[in-house]
Amino acid sequence: VGEIVSVKDFGAVGDGVTDDTVAFQAAIDYIYTLGGGTVRFNDRYLIDSNLMIKDYVSLQGPLGLPDEILPRTAADYDGKIGVLVLNSSATITTNDSASIGHCVIIRKGLDLPFVDAVAAAAGIAAFSGTALTVAGTGCYFHHLLILGFGKAIYSTGFERVRCQYVSGDCTNGVEINNCADVSYMTNCHFWPYTTVHQTWTTNALLRRTGTSYTFSNIGDWNKITDCFSYGYYRGFRAVSVNSVTFLGCGADNTSTAGVGDHTGSIGFVIEGSSNDTRI
């Protein structure tokens, strides 16, 4: 069994205000020198600059499967444990066979819960940055809730990206480009977590202008299973991919009196030189 360490052993404070990036990187670097293992964290940590999860290192929080907070009128993600507060100017990068899971990743400054519709509209407009960036093969993202970014997960040029039980509310969800060996996406869910079930919620505040799931350029045998999108301008988009399969996936949207009211939105878009695409 690989060694397990806590970020607290490397000086992390965990108050959500102190920048704990250096402590996290020190813990990751230590585990990396051992050939791999697990770095654990509880509490709430500010990651104010770029963080690299190195080869065969797993960064793990304490949460089973983070989801919507009850009571629904008090979505105080800010006050929970197992939270990484990530600056939108930074990203968490994963190297070969690295993984991250069991936590909430929230953009610094998102300030949830929104107090009213005006604050919610401004908050959505401020979604920015990329939470997780792939920089190696066989990366694994699981049991995550990602809130407030321009893009939740981005990969270009790497194989066997795996996403399982990844949920989020970002302008765009997951984008996998130029993946020449199978990527797997299972039980993922992009939905308006930050603006749903409030007294001030409107259909307009449930919509996002981007795409939940994008697969482009090669996309060799990408498999997307039991994934869901709600409120996005594009649900699932496949661009010049090969032998991609969407199995048990759904793309839903807002409606007024049962009639769709998100003008121009499309659930599944297959374009470019895509061939042998199955839905």
C-alpha atoms as a PDB file:
ATOM      1  CA  VAL A   1       0.000   0.000   0.000  1.00  0.00           C
ATOM      2  CA  GLY A   2       1.380   3.399  -0.919  1.00  0.00           C
ATOM      3  CA  GLU A   3       2.066   5.939   1.788  1.00  0.00           C
ATOM      4  CA  ILE A   4      -0.707   8.321   2.854  1.00  0.00           C
ATOM      5  CA  VAL A   5       0.056  11.807   4.161  1.00  0.00           C
ATOM      6  CA  SER A   6      -2.006  14.818   5.211  1.00  0.00           C
ATOM      7  CA  VAL A   7      -1.411  18.320   3.901  1.00  0.00           C
ATOM      8  CA  LYS A   8      -1.468  19.443   7.545  1.00  0.00           C
ATOM      9  CA  ASP A   9       1.827  17.567   8.001  1.00  0.00           C
ATOM     10  CA  PHE A  10       3.344  19.983   5.497  1.00  0.00           C
ATOM     11  CA  GLY A  11       2.035  23.177   7.061  1.00  0.00           C
ATOM     12  CA  ALA A  12      -1.392  23.644   5.455  1.00  0.00           C
ATOM     13  CA  VAL A  13      -3.644  25.924   7.520  1.00  0.00           C
ATOM     14  CA  GLY A  14      -7.068  25.060   6.109  1.00  0.00           C
ATOM     15  CA  ASP A  15      -8.951  28.259   6.941  1.00  0.00           C
ATOM     16  CA  GLY A  16      -9.922  29.045   3.349  1.00  0.00           C
ATOM     17  CA  VAL A  17      -8.101  32.366   3.520  1.00  0.00           C
ATOM     18  CA  THR A  18      -4.424  31.459   3.905  1.00  0.00           C
ATOM     19  CA  ASP A  19      -2.790  30.393   0.648  1.00  0.00           C
ATOM     20  CA  ASP A  20      -2.020  26.692   1.127  1.00  0.00           C
ATOM     21  CA  THR A  21      -0.623  26.020  -2.354  1.00  0.00           C
ATOM     22  CA  VAL A  22       2.962  25.586  -1.147  1.00  0.00           C
ATOM     23  CA  ALA A  23       1.930  23.062   1.530  1.00  0.00           C
ATOM     24  CA  PHE A  24      -0.131  21.064  -0.963  1.00  0.00           C
ATOM     25  CA  GLN A  25       2.713  21.014  -3.475  1.00  0.00           C
ATOM     26  CA  ALA A  26       5.191  19.942  -0.799  1.00  0.00           C
ATOM     27  CA  ALA A  27       2.955  17.021   0.196  1.00  0.00           C
ATOM     28  CA  ILE A  28       2.490  15.992  -3.440  1.00  0.00           C
ATOM     29  CA  ASP A  29       6.218  16.258  -4.150  1.00  0.00           C
ATOM     30  CA  TYR A  30       7.032  14.093  -1.142  1.00  0.00           C
ATOM     31  CA  ILE A  31       4.630  11.334  -2.199  1.00  0.00           C
ATOM     32  CA  TYR A  32       5.962  11.554  -5.749  1.00  0.00           C
ATOM     33  CA  THR A  33       9.518  10.878  -4.562  1.00  0.00           C
ATOM     34  CA  LEU A  34       8.237   7.624  -3.026  1.00  0.00           C
ATOM     35  CA  GLY A  35       6.879   6.464  -6.371  1.00  0.00           C
ATOM     36  CA  GLY A  36       3.253   7.382  -5.679  1.00  0.00           C
ATOM     37  CA  GLY A  37       0.611   7.352  -2.992  1.00  0.00           C
ATOM     38  CA  THR A  38      -2.147   9.508  -1.510  1.00  0.00           C
ATOM     39  CA  VAL A  39      -2.302  13.057  -0.210  1.00  0.00           C
ATOM     40  CA  ARG A  40      -5.364  13.672   1.963  1.00  0.00           C
ATOM     41  CA  PHE A  41      -7.043  16.879   3.070  1.00  0.00           C
ATOM     42  CA  ASN A  42     -10.042  17.965   5.131  1.00  0.00           C
ATOM     43  CA  ASP A  43     -11.233  21.474   5.929  1.00  0.00           C
ATOM     44  CA  ARG A  44     -11.207  24.321   3.421  1.00  0.00           C
ATOM     45  CA  TYR A  45      -8.078  25.356   1.548  1.00  0.00           C
ATOM     46  CA  LEU A  46      -7.190  28.278  -0.673  1.00  0.00           C
ATOM     47  CA  ILE A  47      -5.147  27.295  -3.730  1.00  0.00           C
ATOM     48  CA  ASP A  48      -4.089  30.685  -5.017  1.00  0.00           C
ATOM     49  CA  SER A  49      -1.588  29.613  -7.699  1.00  0.00           C
ATOM     50  CA  ASN A  50      -0.946  26.662 -10.004  1.00  0.00           C
ATOM     51  CA  LEU A  51      -0.826  23.213  -8.402  1.00  0.00           C
ATOM     52  CA  MET A  52       0.687  20.105 -10.036  1.00  0.00           C
ATOM     53  CA  ILE A  53      -0.472  16.606  -9.054  1.00  0.00           C
ATOM     54  CA  LYS A  54       2.505  14.544 -10.143  1.00  0.00           C
ATOM     55  CA  ASP A  55       2.733  11.010 -11.558  1.00  0.00           C
ATOM     56  CA  TYR A  56       0.917   8.339  -9.558  1.00  0.00           C
ATOM     57  CA  VAL A  57      -0.142  10.774  -6.845  1.00  0.00           C
ATOM     58  CA  SER A  58      -3.766  10.857  -5.685  1.00  0.00           C
ATOM     59  CA  LEU A  59      -5.176  14.004  -4.035  1.00  0.00           C
ATOM     60  CA  GLN A  60      -8.221  13.026  -1.978  1.00  0.00           C
ATOM     61  CA  GLY A  61     -10.740  14.953   0.097  1.00  0.00           C
ATOM     62  CA  PRO A  62     -13.134  13.606   2.753  1.00  0.00           C
ATOM     63  CA  LEU A  63     -16.459  13.709   0.877  1.00  0.00           C
ATOM     64  CA  GLY A  64     -18.300  10.647  -0.409  1.00  0.00           C
ATOM     65  CA  LEU A  65     -20.203  12.281  -3.269  1.00  0.00           C
ATOM     66  CA  PRO A  66     -20.622  16.060  -3.036  1.00  0.00           C
ATOM     67  CA  ASP A  67     -23.920  17.341  -4.432  1.00  0.00           C
ATOM     68  CA  GLU A  68     -26.580  19.965  -3.760  1.00  0.00           C
ATOM     69  CA  ILE A  69     -26.687  21.279  -0.205  1.00  0.00           C
ATOM     70  CA  LEU A  70     -29.897  21.143   1.826  1.00  0.00           C
ATOM     71  CA  PRO A  71     -31.787  23.151   2.856  1.00  0.00           C
ATOM     72  CA  ARG A  72     -31.910  24.274  -0.712  1.00  0.00           C
ATOM     73  CA  THR A  73     -32.395  27.931   0.186  1.00  0.00           C
ATOM     74  CA  ALA A  74     -28.993  28.064   1.915  1.00  0.00           C
ATOM     75  CA  ALA A  75     -26.454  26.654  -0.542  1.00  0.00           C
ATOM     76  CA  ASP A  76     -23.488  27.540   1.649  1.00  0.00           C
ATOM     77  CA  TYR A  77     -20.738  25.599  -0.115  1.00  0.00           C
ATOM     78  CA  ASP A  78     -18.308  28.137   1.329  1.00  0.00           C
ATOM     79  CA  GLY A  79     -18.852  26.848   4.840  1.00  0.00           C
ATOM     80  CA  LYS A  80     -18.237  23.149   4.200  1.00  0.00           C
ATOM     81  CA  ILE A  81     -15.163  20.976   4.569  1.00  0.00           C
ATOM     82  CA  GLY A  82     -13.453  19.127   1.746  1.00  0.00           C
ATOM     83  CA  VAL A  83     -13.342  22.331  -0.314  1.00  0.00           C
ATOM     84  CA  LEU A  84     -10.560  23.638  -2.523  1.00  0.00           C
ATOM     85  CA  VAL A  85     -10.977  27.355  -3.221  1.00  0.00           C
ATOM     86  CA  LEU A  86      -9.116  27.828  -6.485  1.00  0.00           C
ATOM     87  CA  ASN A  87      -8.083  31.141  -7.983  1.00  0.00           C
ATOM     88  CA  SER A  88      -9.451  31.437 -11.532  1.00  0.00           C
ATOM     89  CA  SER A  89      -5.999  32.555 -12.716  1.00  0.00           C
ATOM     90  CA  ALA A  90      -4.613  29.183 -11.594  1.00  0.00           C
ATOM     91  CA  THR A  91      -5.357  25.563 -12.467  1.00  0.00           C
ATOM     92  CA  ILE A  92      -4.770  22.151 -10.914  1.00  0.00           C
ATOM     93  CA  THR A  93      -2.775  20.081 -13.405  1.00  0.00           C
ATOM     94  CA  THR A  94      -2.591  16.286 -13.405  1.00  0.00           C
ATOM     95  CA  ASN A  95       0.393  14.324 -14.701  1.00  0.00           C
ATOM     96  CA  ASP A  96       0.520  10.637 -15.730  1.00  0.00           C
ATOM     97  CA  SER A  97      -1.873   8.438 -13.722  1.00  0.00           C
ATOM     98  CA  ALA A  98      -2.603  11.253 -11.268  1.00  0.00           C
ATOM     99  CA  SER A  99      -6.044  11.620  -9.718  1.00  0.00           C
ATOM    100  CA  ILE A 100      -8.209  13.920  -7.634  1.00  0.00           C
ATOM    101  CA  GLY A 101     -11.472  13.105  -5.917  1.00  0.00           C
ATOM    102  CA  HIS A 102     -13.970  13.369  -3.062  1.00  0.00           C
ATOM    103  CA  CYS A 103     -14.051  17.147  -2.810  1.00  0.00           C
ATOM    104  CA  VAL A 104     -15.644  20.409  -3.945  1.00  0.00           C
ATOM    105  CA  ILE A 105     -13.608  22.756  -6.135  1.00  0.00           C
ATOM    106  CA  ILE A 106     -15.004  26.276  -6.076  1.00  0.00           C
ATOM    107  CA  ARG A 107     -13.732  29.402  -7.812  1.00  0.00           C
ATOM    108  CA  LYS A 108     -12.264  31.985  -5.482  1.00  0.00           C
ATOM    109  CA  GLY A 109     -14.663  34.924  -5.127  1.00  0.00           C
ATOM    110  CA  LEU A 110     -17.791  33.020  -6.143  1.00  0.00           C
ATOM    111  CA  ASP A 111     -19.369  33.876  -2.755  1.00  0.00           C
ATOM    112  CA  LEU A 112     -22.176  31.352  -2.380  1.00  0.00           C
ATOM    113  CA  PRO A 113     -25.048  31.321  -1.723  1.00  0.00           C
ATOM    114  CA  PHE A 114     -26.082  34.165  -4.021  1.00  0.00           C
ATOM    115  CA  VAL A 115     -28.302  36.549  -2.090  1.00  0.00           C
ATOM    116  CA  ASP A 116     -30.667  37.396  -4.936  1.00  0.00           C
ATOM    117  CA  ALA A 117     -31.217  37.251  -8.695  1.00  0.00           C
ATOM    118  CA  VAL A 118     -28.989  40.261  -9.362  1.00  0.00           C
ATOM    119  CA  ALA A 119     -26.082  38.676  -7.501  1.00  0.00           C
ATOM    120  CA  ALA A 120     -26.727  35.365  -9.264  1.00  0.00           C
ATOM    121  CA  ALA A 121     -26.658  36.940 -12.735  1.00  0.00           C
ATOM    122  CA  ALA A 122     -23.407  38.737 -11.913  1.00  0.00           C
ATOM    123  CA  GLY A 123     -21.959  35.547 -10.438  1.00  0.00           C
ATOM    124  CA  ILE A 124     -22.722  33.488 -13.544  1.00  0.00           C
ATOM    125  CA  ALA A 125     -21.231  36.179 -15.781  1.00  0.00           C
ATOM    126  CA  ALA A 126     -18.035  36.008 -13.707  1.00  0.00           C
ATOM    127  CA  PHE A 127     -17.486  32.256 -14.197  1.00  0.00           C
ATOM    128  CA  SER A 128     -13.887  32.001 -15.457  1.00  0.00           C
ATOM    129  CA  GLY A 129     -10.715  29.952 -15.555  1.00  0.00           C
ATOM    130  CA  THR A 130     -10.151  26.201 -15.859  1.00  0.00           C
ATOM    131  CA  ALA A 131     -10.339  24.143 -12.693  1.00  0.00           C
ATOM    132  CA  LEU A 132      -8.548  20.963 -13.810  1.00  0.00           C
ATOM    133  CA  THR A 133      -6.066  20.582 -16.671  1.00  0.00           C
ATOM    134  CA  VAL A 134      -4.810  17.225 -17.942  1.00  0.00           C
ATOM    135  CA  ALA A 135      -1.078  16.955 -18.659  1.00  0.00           C
ATOM    136  CA  GLY A 136      -0.565  13.199 -18.717  1.00  0.00           C
ATOM    137  CA  THR A 137      -2.101   9.864 -19.681  1.00  0.00           C
ATOM    138  CA  GLY A 138      -4.515   7.879 -17.549  1.00  0.00           C
ATOM    139  CA  CYS A 139      -5.680  10.754 -15.334  1.00  0.00           C
ATOM    140  CA  TYR A 140      -8.692  10.064 -13.129  1.00  0.00           C
ATOM    141  CA  PHE A 141     -11.262  12.574 -11.868  1.00  0.00           C
ATOM    142  CA  HIS A 142     -13.962  11.261  -9.569  1.00  0.00           C
ATOM    143  CA  HIS A 143     -16.565  12.216  -6.955  1.00  0.00           C
ATOM    144  CA  LEU A 144     -16.154  15.933  -7.577  1.00  0.00           C
ATOM    145  CA  LEU A 145     -18.366  18.996  -7.555  1.00  0.00           C
ATOM    146  CA  ILE A 146     -16.830  21.858  -9.561  1.00  0.00           C
ATOM    147  CA  LEU A 147     -18.429  25.308  -9.332  1.00  0.00           C
ATOM    148  CA  GLY A 148     -17.937  28.683 -10.947  1.00  0.00           C
ATOM    149  CA  PHE A 149     -15.300  28.187 -13.648  1.00  0.00           C
ATOM    150  CA  GLY A 150     -15.255  28.840 -17.365  1.00  0.00           C
ATOM    151  CA  LYS A 151     -14.350  25.176 -17.824  1.00  0.00           C
ATOM    152  CA  ALA A 152     -14.371  22.318 -15.330  1.00  0.00           C
ATOM    153  CA  ILE A 153     -11.911  19.875 -16.948  1.00  0.00           C
ATOM    154  CA  TYR A 154      -9.763  20.341 -20.056  1.00  0.00           C
ATOM    155  CA  SER A 155      -7.559  17.819 -21.852  1.00  0.00           C
ATOM    156  CA  THR A 156      -5.827  18.042 -25.201  1.00  0.00           C
ATOM    157  CA  GLY A 157      -3.451  15.435 -26.581  1.00  0.00           C
ATOM    158  CA  PHE A 158      -3.650  12.875 -23.765  1.00  0.00           C
ATOM    159  CA  GLU A 159      -5.083   9.365 -23.655  1.00  0.00           C
ATOM    160  CA  ARG A 160      -7.371   7.460 -21.309  1.00  0.00           C
ATOM    161  CA  VAL A 161      -8.868  10.369 -19.422  1.00  0.00           C
ATOM    162  CA  ARG A 162     -11.382   8.985 -16.928  1.00  0.00           C
ATOM    163  CA  CYS A 163     -14.198  10.963 -15.314  1.00  0.00           C
ATOM    164  CA  GLN A 164     -16.609   9.293 -12.900  1.00  0.00           C
ATOM    165  CA  TYR A 165     -19.269  10.981 -10.776  1.00  0.00           C
ATOM    166  CA  VAL A 166     -18.063  14.445 -11.739  1.00  0.00           C
ATOM    167  CA  SER A 167     -20.734  17.107 -11.265  1.00  0.00           C
ATOM    168  CA  GLY A 168     -20.525  20.803 -11.844  1.00  0.00           C
ATOM    169  CA  ASP A 169     -21.911  24.205 -12.622  1.00  0.00           C
ATOM    170  CA  CYS A 170     -19.512  26.009 -14.955  1.00  0.00           C
ATOM    171  CA  THR A 171     -19.907  27.833 -18.258  1.00  0.00           C
ATOM    172  CA  ASN A 172     -18.473  24.707 -19.918  1.00  0.00           C
ATOM    173  CA  GLY A 173     -18.105  21.257 -18.397  1.00  0.00           C
ATOM    174  CA  VAL A 174     -15.583  18.726 -19.706  1.00  0.00           C
ATOM    175  CA  GLU A 175     -13.622  19.137 -22.950  1.00  0.00           C
ATOM    176  CA  ILE A 176     -11.498  16.289 -24.292  1.00  0.00           C
ATOM    177  CA  ASN A 177      -9.549  17.056 -27.458  1.00  0.00           C
ATOM    178  CA  ASN A 178      -7.205  14.861 -29.489  1.00  0.00           C
ATOM    179  CA  CYS A 179      -7.575  11.733 -27.363  1.00  0.00           C
ATOM    180  CA  ALA A 180      -6.124   8.850 -29.412  1.00  0.00           C
ATOM    181  CA  ASP A 181      -7.006   6.057 -26.986  1.00  0.00           C
ATOM    182  CA  VAL A 182     -10.311   5.561 -25.205  1.00  0.00           C
ATOM    183  CA  SER A 183     -11.497   8.149 -22.690  1.00  0.00           C
ATOM    184  CA  TYR A 184     -14.281   7.145 -20.325  1.00  0.00           C
ATOM    185  CA  MET A 185     -16.935   9.426 -18.858  1.00  0.00           C
ATOM    186  CA  THR A 186     -19.467   7.819 -16.516  1.00  0.00           C
ATOM    187  CA  ASN A 187     -22.291   9.166 -14.350  1.00  0.00           C
ATOM    188  CA  CYS A 188     -21.331  12.815 -14.780  1.00  0.00           C
ATOM    189  CA  HIS A 189     -23.850  15.599 -14.200  1.00  0.00           C
ATOM    190  CA  PHE A 190     -23.667  19.272 -15.235  1.00  0.00           C
ATOM    191  CA  TRP A 191     -26.543  21.272 -13.796  1.00  0.00           C
ATOM    192  CA  PRO A 192     -27.226  24.779 -12.355  1.00  0.00           C
ATOM    193  CA  TYR A 193     -26.162  23.975  -8.790  1.00  0.00           C
ATOM    194  CA  THR A 194     -25.484  27.626  -7.905  1.00  0.00           C
ATOM    195  CA  THR A 195     -28.845  29.055  -8.982  1.00  0.00           C
ATOM    196  CA  VAL A 196     -31.425  26.281  -8.635  1.00  0.00           C
ATOM    197  CA  HIS A 197     -34.211  25.995  -6.029  1.00  0.00           C
ATOM    198  CA  GLN A 198     -34.039  29.592  -4.800  1.00  0.00           C
ATOM    199  CA  THR A 199     -36.994  31.918  -4.274  1.00  0.00           C
ATOM    200  CA  TRP A 200     -35.530  34.209  -6.931  1.00  0.00           C
ATOM    201  CA  THR A 201     -34.709  31.478  -9.493  1.00  0.00           C
ATOM    202  CA  THR A 202     -35.842  32.126 -13.074  1.00  0.00           C
ATOM    203  CA  ASN A 203     -35.377  30.053 -16.221  1.00  0.00           C
ATOM    204  CA  ALA A 204     -32.780  32.538 -17.439  1.00  0.00           C
ATOM    205  CA  LEU A 205     -30.706  31.914 -14.307  1.00  0.00           C
ATOM    206  CA  LEU A 206     -30.769  28.172 -14.935  1.00  0.00           C
ATOM    207  CA  ARG A 207     -29.134  28.509 -18.361  1.00  0.00           C
ATOM    208  CA  ARG A 208     -25.458  28.393 -19.248  1.00  0.00           C
ATOM    209  CA  THR A 209     -24.030  29.715 -22.504  1.00  0.00           C
ATOM    210  CA  GLY A 210     -21.494  26.951 -23.101  1.00  0.00           C
ATOM    211  CA  THR A 211     -21.309  23.182 -23.643  1.00  0.00           C
ATOM    212  CA  SER A 212     -21.493  20.468 -20.990  1.00  0.00           C
ATOM    213  CA  TYR A 213     -19.369  17.856 -22.788  1.00  0.00           C
ATOM    214  CA  THR A 214     -17.122  18.382 -25.807  1.00  0.00           C
ATOM    215  CA  PHE A 215     -15.151  15.683 -27.665  1.00  0.00           C
ATOM    216  CA  SER A 216     -13.071  16.758 -30.639  1.00  0.00           C
ATOM    217  CA  ASN A 217     -10.321  15.733 -33.062  1.00  0.00           C
ATOM    218  CA  ILE A 218      -9.708  11.981 -33.133  1.00  0.00           C
ATOM    219  CA  GLY A 219     -11.690  11.113 -29.981  1.00  0.00           C
ATOM    220  CA  ASP A 220     -10.922   7.465 -30.664  1.00  0.00           C
ATOM    221  CA  TRP A 221     -13.561   5.242 -29.067  1.00  0.00           C
ATOM    222  CA  ASN A 222     -14.545   7.792 -26.431  1.00  0.00           C
ATOM    223  CA  LYS A 223     -17.286   6.292 -24.271  1.00  0.00           C
ATOM    224  CA  ILE A 224     -19.807   8.518 -22.523  1.00  0.00           C
ATOM    225  CA  THR A 225     -22.210   6.571 -20.311  1.00  0.00           C
ATOM    226  CA  ASP A 226     -25.135   7.714 -18.156  1.00  0.00           C
ATOM    227  CA  CYS A 227     -24.156  11.391 -18.259  1.00  0.00           C
ATOM    228  CA  PHE A 228     -26.560  14.318 -18.033  1.00  0.00           C
ATOM    229  CA  SER A 229     -26.737  17.968 -18.962  1.00  0.00           C
ATOM    230  CA  TYR A 230     -29.322  20.589 -18.030  1.00  0.00           C
ATOM    231  CA  GLY A 231     -29.650  24.204 -19.119  1.00  0.00           C
ATOM    232  CA  TYR A 232     -26.624  24.369 -21.425  1.00  0.00           C
ATOM    233  CA  TYR A 233     -26.621  25.948 -24.878  1.00  0.00           C
ATOM    234  CA  ARG A 234     -25.062  22.710 -26.101  1.00  0.00           C
ATOM    235  CA  GLY A 235     -25.405  19.494 -24.152  1.00  0.00           C
ATOM    236  CA  PHE A 236     -23.077  17.030 -25.904  1.00  0.00           C
ATOM    237  CA  ARG A 237     -20.827  18.049 -28.809  1.00  0.00           C
ATOM    238  CA  ALA A 238     -18.744  15.712 -30.963  1.00  0.00           C
ATOM    239  CA  VAL A 239     -16.450  17.335 -33.543  1.00  0.00           C
ATOM    240  CA  SER A 240     -14.441  15.217 -36.015  1.00  0.00           C
ATOM    241  CA  VAL A 241     -14.323  12.184 -33.742  1.00  0.00           C
ATOM    242  CA  ASN A 242     -14.091   8.472 -34.445  1.00  0.00           C
ATOM    243  CA  SER A 243     -16.327   5.722 -33.021  1.00  0.00           C
ATOM    244  CA  VAL A 244     -17.700   7.713 -30.080  1.00  0.00           C
ATOM    245  CA  THR A 245     -20.599   6.175 -28.134  1.00  0.00           C
ATOM    246  CA  PHE A 246     -23.183   8.058 -26.072  1.00  0.00           C
ATOM    247  CA  LEU A 247     -25.054   5.479 -23.993  1.00  0.00           C
ATOM    248  CA  GLY A 248     -27.894   6.395 -21.652  1.00  0.00           C
ATOM    249  CA  CYS A 249     -27.103  10.126 -21.852  1.00  0.00           C
ATOM    250  CA  GLY A 250     -29.625  12.962 -21.593  1.00  0.00           C
ATOM    251  CA  ALA A 251     -29.696  16.661 -22.415  1.00  0.00           C
ATOM    252  CA  ASP A 252     -32.532  18.653 -20.869  1.00  0.00           C
ATOM    253  CA  ASN A 253     -33.332  22.355 -20.847  1.00  0.00           C
ATOM    254  CA  THR A 254     -35.595  25.072 -19.511  1.00  0.00           C
ATOM    255  CA  SER A 255     -39.167  25.478 -20.698  1.00  0.00           C
ATOM    256  CA  THR A 256     -42.189  27.675 -20.183  1.00  0.00           C
ATOM    257  CA  ALA A 257     -45.525  25.858 -20.114  1.00  0.00           C
ATOM    258  CA  GLY A 258     -43.807  22.786 -21.475  1.00  0.00           C
ATOM    259  CA  VAL A 259     -42.276  24.598 -24.452  1.00  0.00           C
ATOM    260  CA  GLY A 260     -38.504  24.992 -24.669  1.00  0.00           C
ATOM    261  CA  ASP A 261     -37.439  28.593 -24.170  1.00  0.00           C
ATOM    262  CA  HIS A 262     -33.637  28.417 -24.447  1.00  0.00           C
ATOM    263  CA  THR A 263     -33.414  29.831 -27.963  1.00  0.00           C
ATOM    264  CA  GLY A 264     -31.040  27.982 -30.270  1.00  0.00           C
ATOM    265  CA  SER A 265     -30.009  25.352 -27.746  1.00  0.00           C
ATOM    266  CA  ILE A 266     -29.265  21.801 -28.948  1.00  0.00           C
ATOM    267  CA  GLY A 267     -28.920  18.618 -26.918  1.00  0.00           C
ATOM    268  CA  PHE A 268     -26.572  16.593 -29.154  1.00  0.00           C
ATOM    269  CA  VAL A 269     -24.400  18.119 -31.879  1.00  0.00           C
ATOM    270  CA  ILE A 270     -22.421  15.859 -34.223  1.00  0.00           C
ATOM    271  CA  GLU A 271     -20.319  17.776 -36.710  1.00  0.00           C
ATOM    272  CA  GLY A 272     -17.126  17.902 -38.754  1.00  0.00           C
ATOM    273  CA  SER A 273     -15.789  14.610 -40.040  1.00  0.00           C
ATOM    274  CA  SER A 274     -17.291  12.544 -37.212  1.00  0.00           C
ATOM    275  CA  ASN A 275     -17.982   8.964 -38.215  1.00  0.00           C
ATOM    276  CA  ASP A 276     -19.367   5.844 -36.562  1.00  0.00           C
ATOM    277  CA  THR A 277     -20.940   7.945 -33.771  1.00  0.00           C
ATOM    278  CA  ARG A 278     -23.582   6.106 -31.734  1.00  0.00           C
ATOM    279  CA  ILE A 279     -26.341   7.623 -29.615  1.00  0.00           C
END
